């Protein structure tokens, strides 16, 4: 089982409740008193888990209006590179920072 921790920085999101509801439906629970921090578990490979995370966050973001989103995540305490949401492609790109 892979333990997942998601940390997002979302600026000016107009409806966080819709976003949170989508993530919860997809198996990610918000951490109390920590805005945009979520936990979950995965029983697939790390590659499949990474792809799933990006897809779920993308779909959740597209259900709301927001200015920008940066994402980092840990799988079993192993950090993965940071991603930035590209509003031109409606998908995540590796962050250059």
N, C-alpha and C. Protein backbone atom coordinates (compact mmCIF):
# COMPACT_ATOMS: atom_id res chain seq x y z
N UNK A 1 0.85 -1.18 0.00
CA UNK A 1 0.00 0.00 0.00
C UNK A 1 0.89 1.24 0.00
N UNK A 2 0.56 2.20 -0.83
CA UNK A 2 1.31 3.44 -0.92
C UNK A 2 0.54 4.54 -0.18
N UNK A 3 1.21 5.18 0.76
CA UNK A 3 0.64 6.33 1.46
C UNK A 3 0.89 7.57 0.60
N UNK A 4 -0.15 8.38 0.42
CA UNK A 4 -0.07 9.56 -0.45
C UNK A 4 -0.32 10.81 0.38
N UNK A 5 0.51 11.84 0.16
CA UNK A 5 0.31 13.14 0.76
C UNK A 5 0.40 14.18 -0.35
N UNK A 6 -0.67 14.97 -0.51
CA UNK A 6 -0.73 16.01 -1.55
C UNK A 6 -0.68 17.37 -0.88
N UNK A 7 0.15 18.27 -1.43
CA UNK A 7 0.24 19.64 -0.94
C UNK A 7 0.05 20.55 -2.14
N UNK A 8 -0.99 21.38 -2.09
CA UNK A 8 -1.29 22.27 -3.20
C UNK A 8 -1.25 23.72 -2.74
N UNK A 9 -0.92 24.59 -3.68
CA UNK A 9 -1.08 26.02 -3.49
C UNK A 9 -1.99 26.50 -4.61
N UNK A 10 -3.23 26.80 -4.26
CA UNK A 10 -4.22 27.24 -5.24
C UNK A 10 -4.57 28.69 -4.91
N UNK A 11 -4.44 29.56 -5.90
CA UNK A 11 -4.72 30.97 -5.68
C UNK A 11 -6.08 31.35 -6.25
N UNK A 12 -6.85 32.03 -5.42
CA UNK A 12 -8.13 32.61 -5.81
C UNK A 12 -9.12 31.60 -6.40
N UNK A 13 -9.25 30.46 -5.75
CA UNK A 13 -10.23 29.47 -6.20
C UNK A 13 -11.61 29.90 -5.73
N UNK A 14 -12.58 29.90 -6.64
CA UNK A 14 -13.90 30.42 -6.31
C UNK A 14 -14.80 29.43 -5.57
N UNK A 15 -14.52 28.13 -5.62
CA UNK A 15 -15.40 27.18 -4.95
C UNK A 15 -14.62 25.97 -4.46
N UNK A 16 -13.95 26.15 -3.33
CA UNK A 16 -13.12 25.08 -2.77
C UNK A 16 -13.97 23.87 -2.36
N UNK A 17 -15.23 24.10 -2.00
CA UNK A 17 -16.09 22.99 -1.57
C UNK A 17 -16.29 21.99 -2.70
N UNK A 18 -16.49 22.47 -3.93
CA UNK A 18 -16.65 21.59 -5.09
C UNK A 18 -15.36 20.80 -5.31
N UNK A 19 -14.23 21.47 -5.19
CA UNK A 19 -12.92 20.84 -5.36
C UNK A 19 -12.72 19.75 -4.30
N UNK A 20 -12.97 20.09 -3.04
CA UNK A 20 -12.80 19.13 -1.95
C UNK A 20 -13.72 17.92 -2.12
N UNK A 21 -14.96 18.16 -2.53
CA UNK A 21 -15.92 17.07 -2.73
C UNK A 21 -15.42 16.11 -3.82
N UNK A 22 -14.87 16.67 -4.91
CA UNK A 22 -14.32 15.84 -5.98
C UNK A 22 -13.16 14.98 -5.47
N UNK A 23 -12.24 15.60 -4.74
CA UNK A 23 -11.09 14.84 -4.22
C UNK A 23 -11.54 13.74 -3.26
N UNK A 24 -12.50 14.07 -2.40
CA UNK A 24 -13.00 13.06 -1.45
C UNK A 24 -13.62 11.88 -2.20
N UNK A 25 -14.40 12.17 -3.25
CA UNK A 25 -15.02 11.11 -4.05
C UNK A 25 -13.95 10.21 -4.69
N UNK A 26 -12.79 10.79 -5.00
CA UNK A 26 -11.71 10.05 -5.65
C UNK A 26 -10.74 9.42 -4.64
N UNK A 27 -11.03 9.53 -3.34
CA UNK A 27 -10.25 8.83 -2.33
C UNK A 27 -9.23 9.66 -1.57
N UNK A 28 -9.30 10.99 -1.69
CA UNK A 28 -8.36 11.85 -0.97
C UNK A 28 -9.11 12.63 0.10
N UNK A 29 -8.61 12.56 1.32
CA UNK A 29 -9.25 13.25 2.44
C UNK A 29 -8.47 14.49 2.81
N UNK A 30 -9.18 15.57 3.09
CA UNK A 30 -8.51 16.80 3.49
C UNK A 30 -7.99 16.64 4.92
N UNK A 31 -6.85 17.28 5.17
CA UNK A 31 -6.25 17.27 6.50
C UNK A 31 -6.87 18.43 7.28
N UNK A 32 -7.45 18.15 8.45
CA UNK A 32 -8.10 19.21 9.22
C UNK A 32 -7.16 20.38 9.50
N UNK A 33 -7.69 21.58 9.37
CA UNK A 33 -6.96 22.82 9.65
C UNK A 33 -5.76 23.05 8.73
N UNK A 34 -5.69 22.36 7.62
CA UNK A 34 -4.61 22.54 6.65
C UNK A 34 -5.24 22.70 5.27
N UNK A 35 -5.45 23.94 4.82
CA UNK A 35 -6.08 24.12 3.51
C UNK A 35 -5.20 23.56 2.40
N UNK A 36 -5.80 22.84 1.50
CA UNK A 36 -5.13 22.26 0.34
C UNK A 36 -4.05 21.23 0.69
N UNK A 37 -4.27 20.48 1.76
CA UNK A 37 -3.41 19.34 2.09
C UNK A 37 -4.34 18.13 2.19
N UNK A 38 -3.97 17.05 1.48
CA UNK A 38 -4.83 15.87 1.38
C UNK A 38 -4.01 14.60 1.56
N UNK A 39 -4.64 13.57 2.08
CA UNK A 39 -4.00 12.28 2.24
C UNK A 39 -4.83 11.21 1.53
N UNK A 40 -4.19 10.09 1.25
CA UNK A 40 -4.88 8.97 0.64
C UNK A 40 -3.99 7.76 0.62
N UNK A 41 -4.49 6.69 0.03
CA UNK A 41 -3.73 5.44 -0.11
C UNK A 41 -3.94 4.91 -1.52
N UNK A 42 -2.94 4.20 -1.99
CA UNK A 42 -3.03 3.60 -3.31
C UNK A 42 -2.50 2.17 -3.25
N UNK A 43 -3.15 1.30 -4.01
CA UNK A 43 -2.69 -0.09 -4.07
C UNK A 43 -2.09 -0.41 -5.44
N UNK A 44 -1.86 0.64 -6.26
CA UNK A 44 -1.27 0.43 -7.58
C UNK A 44 0.22 0.78 -7.54
N UNK A 45 0.85 0.77 -8.69
CA UNK A 45 2.28 1.12 -8.76
C UNK A 45 2.47 2.62 -8.53
N UNK A 46 3.69 3.02 -8.25
CA UNK A 46 3.95 4.45 -8.06
C UNK A 46 3.69 5.22 -9.35
N UNK A 47 4.01 4.65 -10.50
CA UNK A 47 3.77 5.32 -11.77
C UNK A 47 2.27 5.55 -11.98
N UNK A 48 1.47 4.53 -11.74
CA UNK A 48 0.02 4.65 -11.91
C UNK A 48 -0.56 5.61 -10.87
N UNK A 49 -0.03 5.58 -9.66
CA UNK A 49 -0.51 6.49 -8.62
C UNK A 49 -0.21 7.93 -8.99
N UNK A 50 0.98 8.20 -9.49
CA UNK A 50 1.35 9.55 -9.91
C UNK A 50 0.41 10.04 -11.01
N UNK A 51 0.15 9.22 -12.00
CA UNK A 51 -0.75 9.60 -13.10
C UNK A 51 -2.17 9.86 -12.58
N UNK A 52 -2.61 9.03 -11.65
CA UNK A 52 -3.95 9.19 -11.07
C UNK A 52 -4.06 10.51 -10.31
N UNK A 53 -3.05 10.82 -9.51
CA UNK A 53 -3.05 12.07 -8.75
C UNK A 53 -3.19 13.26 -9.69
N UNK A 54 -2.37 13.30 -10.73
CA UNK A 54 -2.41 14.43 -11.66
C UNK A 54 -3.78 14.54 -12.33
N UNK A 55 -4.33 13.41 -12.73
CA UNK A 55 -5.64 13.40 -13.39
C UNK A 55 -6.75 13.89 -12.45
N UNK A 56 -6.75 13.41 -11.22
CA UNK A 56 -7.79 13.78 -10.25
C UNK A 56 -7.72 15.27 -9.93
N UNK A 57 -6.53 15.78 -9.69
CA UNK A 57 -6.38 17.20 -9.36
C UNK A 57 -6.79 18.06 -10.56
N UNK A 58 -6.37 17.67 -11.77
CA UNK A 58 -6.75 18.41 -12.97
C UNK A 58 -8.28 18.50 -13.09
N UNK A 59 -8.96 17.37 -12.97
CA UNK A 59 -10.42 17.36 -13.10
C UNK A 59 -11.08 18.20 -12.02
N UNK A 60 -10.56 18.12 -10.81
CA UNK A 60 -11.11 18.92 -9.72
C UNK A 60 -10.93 20.41 -9.95
N UNK A 61 -9.76 20.79 -10.44
CA UNK A 61 -9.51 22.21 -10.71
C UNK A 61 -10.42 22.73 -11.81
N UNK A 62 -10.65 21.92 -12.83
CA UNK A 62 -11.45 22.37 -13.96
C UNK A 62 -12.93 22.53 -13.61
N UNK A 63 -13.34 22.06 -12.43
CA UNK A 63 -14.71 22.24 -11.98
C UNK A 63 -14.91 23.60 -11.31
N UNK A 64 -13.82 24.35 -11.11
CA UNK A 64 -13.89 25.65 -10.44
C UNK A 64 -13.06 26.66 -11.23
N UNK A 65 -13.18 27.92 -10.84
CA UNK A 65 -12.31 28.96 -11.39
C UNK A 65 -11.20 29.22 -10.38
N UNK A 66 -9.98 29.44 -10.89
CA UNK A 66 -8.84 29.70 -10.02
C UNK A 66 -7.79 30.42 -10.86
N UNK A 67 -6.86 31.07 -10.19
CA UNK A 67 -5.81 31.79 -10.90
C UNK A 67 -4.60 30.90 -11.22
N UNK A 68 -4.16 30.12 -10.23
CA UNK A 68 -3.00 29.25 -10.46
C UNK A 68 -3.00 28.12 -9.44
N UNK A 69 -2.23 27.07 -9.77
CA UNK A 69 -2.12 25.93 -8.86
C UNK A 69 -0.73 25.31 -8.99
N UNK A 70 -0.08 25.11 -7.86
CA UNK A 70 1.18 24.37 -7.79
C UNK A 70 0.92 23.15 -6.92
N UNK A 71 1.58 22.05 -7.26
CA UNK A 71 1.35 20.77 -6.58
C UNK A 71 2.67 20.08 -6.30
N UNK A 72 2.82 19.59 -5.10
CA UNK A 72 3.87 18.65 -4.76
C UNK A 72 3.21 17.49 -4.03
N UNK A 73 3.78 16.31 -4.15
CA UNK A 73 3.21 15.17 -3.45
C UNK A 73 4.30 14.21 -3.02
N UNK A 74 3.97 13.43 -2.02
CA UNK A 74 4.86 12.41 -1.49
C UNK A 74 4.17 11.07 -1.60
N UNK A 75 4.91 10.08 -2.04
CA UNK A 75 4.43 8.70 -2.05
C UNK A 75 5.32 7.92 -1.11
N UNK A 76 4.73 7.42 -0.03
CA UNK A 76 5.50 6.74 1.02
C UNK A 76 6.68 7.60 1.48
N UNK A 77 6.43 8.88 1.71
CA UNK A 77 7.41 9.84 2.20
C UNK A 77 8.50 10.17 1.20
N UNK A 78 8.40 9.69 -0.04
CA UNK A 78 9.35 10.05 -1.09
C UNK A 78 8.78 11.22 -1.87
N UNK A 79 9.47 12.38 -1.84
CA UNK A 79 8.96 13.55 -2.57
C UNK A 79 9.13 13.40 -4.08
N UNK A 80 8.16 13.90 -4.80
CA UNK A 80 8.22 13.93 -6.27
C UNK A 80 8.38 15.37 -6.71
N UNK A 81 8.83 15.60 -7.94
CA UNK A 81 9.04 16.98 -8.40
C UNK A 81 7.75 17.80 -8.35
N UNK A 82 7.91 19.10 -8.25
CA UNK A 82 6.76 20.01 -8.20
C UNK A 82 6.15 20.16 -9.59
N UNK A 83 4.85 20.36 -9.62
CA UNK A 83 4.10 20.57 -10.86
C UNK A 83 3.36 21.90 -10.77
N UNK A 84 3.18 22.52 -11.92
CA UNK A 84 2.39 23.74 -12.04
C UNK A 84 1.31 23.50 -13.07
N UNK A 85 0.10 23.96 -12.76
CA UNK A 85 -1.01 23.79 -13.70
C UNK A 85 -0.89 24.82 -14.81
N UNK A 86 -0.93 24.36 -16.05
CA UNK A 86 -0.86 25.23 -17.23
C UNK A 86 -2.28 25.44 -17.74
N UNK A 87 -2.78 26.65 -17.63
CA UNK A 87 -4.17 26.93 -18.03
C UNK A 87 -4.33 26.90 -19.56
N UNK A 88 -3.24 26.96 -20.31
CA UNK A 88 -3.34 26.88 -21.77
C UNK A 88 -3.64 25.45 -22.22
N UNK A 89 -3.02 24.49 -21.54
CA UNK A 89 -3.21 23.08 -21.91
C UNK A 89 -4.19 22.36 -20.98
N UNK A 90 -4.61 23.04 -19.89
CA UNK A 90 -5.46 22.43 -18.86
C UNK A 90 -4.85 21.15 -18.30
N UNK A 91 -3.55 21.20 -18.06
CA UNK A 91 -2.85 20.06 -17.48
C UNK A 91 -1.64 20.51 -16.69
N UNK A 92 -1.07 19.58 -15.96
CA UNK A 92 0.11 19.88 -15.16
C UNK A 92 1.38 19.72 -15.98
N UNK A 93 2.34 20.59 -15.70
CA UNK A 93 3.68 20.53 -16.29
C UNK A 93 4.66 20.52 -15.14
N UNK A 94 5.81 19.88 -15.34
CA UNK A 94 6.85 19.94 -14.32
C UNK A 94 7.23 21.38 -14.08
N UNK A 95 7.35 21.76 -12.83
CA UNK A 95 7.71 23.13 -12.49
C UNK A 95 9.16 23.37 -12.82
N UNK A 96 9.46 24.54 -13.33
CA UNK A 96 10.84 24.86 -13.69
C UNK A 96 11.59 25.50 -12.54
N UNK A 97 10.91 25.74 -11.43
CA UNK A 97 11.56 26.37 -10.28
C UNK A 97 12.11 25.32 -9.33
